[in-house]
Amino acid sequence: DLQHTSATLLSLDMVLEPPKPSLVTYSTLISRAISLGKPRVALRLWNLMRNQPEFYLNVMSRKRIDGRLVEEFKAVSEEQLRSLEEEGAIVPDVIFCNSLMNAYAKLGDHVAARSILDAMLGTSTSQVHEGIPQIEPTVITYNTLADACKKGGELGHALEVLDLMKNRAAQTGDKSLLPDELTYTILISTVARRSKSMQTRDVRSGGEK
């Protein structure tokens, strides 16, 4: 019948021309890789995503604005990002950025995690995370960065995240960015981890004497 024929044709179209991966596709795969304890796989997926023709920077590189190549522009406006999304370009959102940061957190790489936050705030001077657009971070973003500091045993940097949250909340007036229960739980765990590490070092030093 007609309904069966239409379904068959749709299935055939998907086989001959499968749908292209979207932001949801990569976000799901990255989250899955992290949940399976494979953060490095998640990072490889990020590199794969930003090399796709549909990635928004690659789409922009094929366009011109006011007669100039888009590569000359340091920042992309929210309006431009929305327009690119409507055209089907892959544009990272805050959920994706948090997931990517979480991959670095699992590796204890607080430096790379911080560079993502800097890119989101438009203050990055590094090319490592070129492709992360300016996006307003959430409390999850900061807590993930604090967790990266905890994994790396960096108490000083973890405390710095606390100040970053308070300053951003004051700057934007967004109280949801203030440290929450999880923030302080992470900080307490960082202190405990550092104390344990120091005790272990002292025991080893005593044994060597």
Protein backbone atom coordinates (compact mmCIF):
# COMPACT_ATOMS: atom_id res chain seq x y z
CA ASP A 1 0.00 0.00 0.00
CA LEU A 2 0.97 3.70 -0.15
CA GLN A 3 2.10 3.89 3.49
CA HIS A 4 4.33 0.83 3.12
CA THR A 5 5.81 2.20 -0.12
CA SER A 6 6.58 5.56 1.53
CA ALA A 7 8.30 3.84 4.45
CA THR A 8 10.37 1.73 2.07
CA LEU A 9 11.44 4.78 0.08
CA LEU A 10 12.40 6.61 3.29
CA SER A 11 14.50 3.65 4.43
CA LEU A 12 16.17 3.50 1.02
CA ASP A 13 16.98 7.22 1.16
CA MET A 14 18.61 6.78 4.56
CA VAL A 15 20.77 3.95 3.23
CA LEU A 16 21.81 5.83 0.08
CA GLU A 17 22.23 9.16 1.85
CA PRO A 18 22.52 8.66 5.64
CA PRO A 19 21.89 11.70 7.85
CA LYS A 20 24.97 13.73 8.72
CA PRO A 21 26.17 13.73 12.35
CA SER A 22 24.84 16.66 14.36
CA LEU A 23 25.84 18.35 17.59
CA VAL A 24 23.53 15.94 19.41
CA THR A 25 25.35 13.02 17.79
CA TYR A 26 28.77 14.16 19.00
CA SER A 27 27.50 15.26 22.43
CA THR A 28 25.94 11.83 22.96
CA LEU A 29 29.06 9.97 21.83
CA ILE A 30 31.36 12.11 23.98
CA SER A 31 29.17 11.66 27.07
CA ARG A 32 29.05 7.92 26.42
CA ALA A 33 32.83 7.69 26.04
CA ILE A 34 33.34 9.51 29.34
CA SER A 35 30.83 7.27 31.13
CA LEU A 36 32.78 4.25 29.88
CA GLY A 37 35.99 5.66 31.33
CA LYS A 38 37.45 6.63 27.96
CA PRO A 39 38.00 10.42 28.14
CA ARG A 40 40.72 10.33 25.48
CA VAL A 41 38.21 8.86 23.04
CA ALA A 42 35.95 11.81 23.87
CA LEU A 43 38.77 14.21 22.98
CA ARG A 44 39.35 12.43 19.67
CA LEU A 45 35.64 12.85 18.91
CA TRP A 46 35.98 16.59 19.56
CA ASN A 47 38.84 16.80 17.05
CA LEU A 48 36.80 14.78 14.58
CA MET A 49 33.80 17.08 15.01
CA ARG A 50 35.65 20.32 14.43
CA ASN A 51 37.22 18.91 11.26
CA GLN A 52 33.81 18.21 9.73
CA PRO A 53 32.72 20.44 6.82
CA GLU A 54 29.54 21.20 8.79
CA PHE A 55 31.44 22.60 11.78
CA TYR A 56 30.50 26.26 12.03
CA LEU A 57 34.04 27.65 11.65
CA ASN A 58 34.51 25.60 8.52
CA VAL A 59 31.16 26.82 7.20
CA MET A 60 32.17 30.40 7.94
CA SER A 61 35.52 29.97 6.22
CA ARG A 62 33.58 29.41 3.01
CA LYS A 63 31.70 32.67 3.40
CA ARG A 64 32.57 36.33 3.28
CA ILE A 65 31.32 39.19 5.40
CA ASP A 66 31.65 42.73 4.02
CA GLY A 67 34.07 41.39 1.45
CA ARG A 68 36.49 40.03 4.05
CA LEU A 69 37.20 36.44 4.90
CA VAL A 70 35.49 35.36 8.09
CA GLU A 71 38.77 34.00 9.45
CA GLU A 72 39.74 37.60 10.14
CA PHE A 73 37.04 37.86 12.81
CA LYS A 74 38.05 36.91 16.33
CA ALA A 75 34.51 36.54 17.68
CA VAL A 76 31.22 35.41 16.21
CA SER A 77 28.06 37.15 17.34
CA GLU A 78 25.12 35.28 18.84
CA GLU A 79 23.04 36.30 15.84
CA GLN A 80 25.59 34.79 13.47
CA LEU A 81 25.70 31.58 15.52
CA ARG A 82 21.90 31.26 15.45
CA SER A 83 21.91 31.83 11.71
CA LEU A 84 24.56 29.15 11.22
CA GLU A 85 22.59 26.70 13.38
CA GLU A 86 19.50 27.31 11.24
CA GLU A 87 21.59 26.50 8.18
CA GLY A 88 22.53 23.15 9.75
CA ALA A 89 26.03 24.02 10.97
CA ILE A 90 27.43 22.28 14.04
CA VAL A 91 27.77 24.92 16.77
CA PRO A 92 28.93 23.82 20.26
CA ASP A 93 26.53 24.78 23.06
CA VAL A 94 27.08 25.00 26.81
CA ILE A 95 26.07 21.36 27.33
CA PHE A 96 28.67 20.23 24.81
CA CYS A 97 31.35 22.47 26.36
CA ASN A 98 30.61 21.09 29.82
CA SER A 99 30.92 17.53 28.50
CA LEU A 100 34.21 18.33 26.79
CA MET A 101 35.51 19.93 29.97
CA ASN A 102 34.45 16.82 31.87
CA ALA A 103 36.72 14.72 29.65
CA TYR A 104 39.68 16.83 30.78
CA ALA A 105 38.43 16.65 34.37
CA LYS A 106 38.59 12.85 34.25
CA LEU A 107 42.20 13.18 33.13
CA GLY A 108 42.97 15.69 35.87
CA ASP A 109 44.00 18.25 33.25
CA HIS A 110 42.85 21.49 34.87
CA VAL A 111 44.87 23.62 32.44
CA ALA A 112 42.97 22.33 29.39
CA ALA A 113 39.69 22.53 31.30
CA ARG A 114 40.41 26.17 32.18
CA SER A 115 41.20 26.96 28.54
CA ILE A 116 37.66 25.87 27.63
CA LEU A 117 36.21 28.28 30.18
CA ASP A 118 38.45 31.06 28.86
CA ALA A 119 37.23 30.32 25.32
CA MET A 120 33.61 30.44 26.48
CA LEU A 121 34.25 33.82 28.11
CA GLY A 122 36.13 35.11 25.07
CA THR A 123 39.35 35.62 27.03
CA SER A 124 41.40 32.75 25.64
CA THR A 125 44.78 33.42 24.05
CA SER A 126 45.28 29.74 23.21
CA GLN A 127 44.51 28.03 19.91
CA VAL A 128 43.99 24.67 21.64
CA HIS A 129 40.24 25.09 21.83
CA GLU A 130 39.66 27.23 18.79
CA GLY A 131 36.09 26.53 17.81
CA ILE A 132 34.54 26.99 21.24
CA PRO A 133 32.26 30.03 20.75
CA GLN A 134 31.53 32.63 23.39
CA ILE A 135 28.88 31.04 25.59
CA GLU A 136 27.76 31.98 29.07
CA PRO A 137 29.02 29.27 31.44
CA THR A 138 26.78 27.67 34.05
CA VAL A 139 27.44 26.50 37.59
CA ILE A 140 28.02 23.06 36.05
CA THR A 141 30.87 24.52 34.00
CA TYR A 142 32.62 25.88 37.07
CA ASN A 143 32.00 22.76 39.13
CA THR A 144 33.48 20.64 36.35
CA LEU A 145 36.56 22.87 36.30
CA ALA A 146 36.84 22.54 40.09
CA ASP A 147 36.59 18.77 39.69
CA ALA A 148 39.47 18.86 37.19
CA CYS A 149 41.52 20.69 39.82
CA LYS A 150 40.56 18.08 42.41
CA LYS A 151 41.62 15.21 40.16
CA GLY A 152 44.93 16.97 39.57
CA GLY A 153 45.41 17.68 43.27
CA GLU A 154 45.50 21.42 42.62
CA LEU A 155 43.94 22.98 45.73
CA GLY A 156 45.08 26.50 44.87
CA HIS A 157 43.46 26.36 41.44
CA ALA A 158 40.30 24.83 42.93
CA LEU A 159 40.02 27.77 45.32
CA GLU A 160 40.56 30.09 42.37
CA VAL A 161 37.49 28.56 40.71
CA LEU A 162 35.50 29.54 43.79
CA ASP A 163 36.54 33.16 43.27
CA LEU A 164 35.79 32.95 39.56
CA MET A 165 32.23 31.85 40.31
CA LYS A 166 31.63 34.64 42.79
CA ASN A 167 33.11 37.27 40.48
CA ARG A 168 31.10 36.10 37.47
CA ALA A 169 27.89 36.04 39.51
CA ALA A 170 28.55 39.60 40.67
CA GLN A 171 29.49 40.73 37.17
CA THR A 172 26.41 39.29 35.47
CA GLY A 173 23.95 39.47 38.35
CA ASP A 174 23.24 35.77 37.83
CA LYS A 175 22.99 34.23 41.29
CA SER A 176 22.79 30.73 39.80
CA LEU A 177 26.54 31.01 39.17
CA LEU A 178 27.31 31.25 42.88
CA PRO A 179 29.04 28.23 44.46
CA ASP A 180 26.57 25.52 45.45
CA GLU A 181 26.70 22.43 47.64
CA LEU A 182 28.57 20.45 45.00
CA THR A 183 31.19 23.18 44.70
CA TYR A 184 32.04 22.99 48.37
CA THR A 185 31.92 19.19 48.35
CA ILE A 186 34.53 19.20 45.57
CA LEU A 187 36.70 21.67 47.49
CA ILE A 188 36.51 19.58 50.67
CA SER A 189 37.48 16.48 48.67
CA THR A 190 40.39 18.41 47.15
CA VAL A 191 41.64 19.37 50.62
CA ALA A 192 41.31 15.77 51.79
CA ARG A 193 43.15 14.46 48.75
CA ARG A 194 45.95 16.97 49.19
CA SER A 195 46.28 16.14 52.91
CA LYS A 196 46.45 12.44 52.13
CA SER A 197 49.07 13.06 49.48
CA MET A 198 51.19 15.10 51.90
CA GLN A 199 50.90 12.42 54.59
CA THR A 200 51.99 9.75 52.11
CA ARG A 201 54.94 11.88 51.07
CA ASP A 202 55.93 12.44 54.71
CA VAL A 203 55.77 8.69 55.41
CA ARG A 204 57.96 7.95 52.40
CA SER A 205 60.42 10.67 53.38
CA GLY A 206 60.59 9.25 56.91
CA GLY A 207 61.25 5.78 55.60
CA GLU A 208 64.16 6.99 53.50
CA LYS A 209 65.96 8.51 56.46
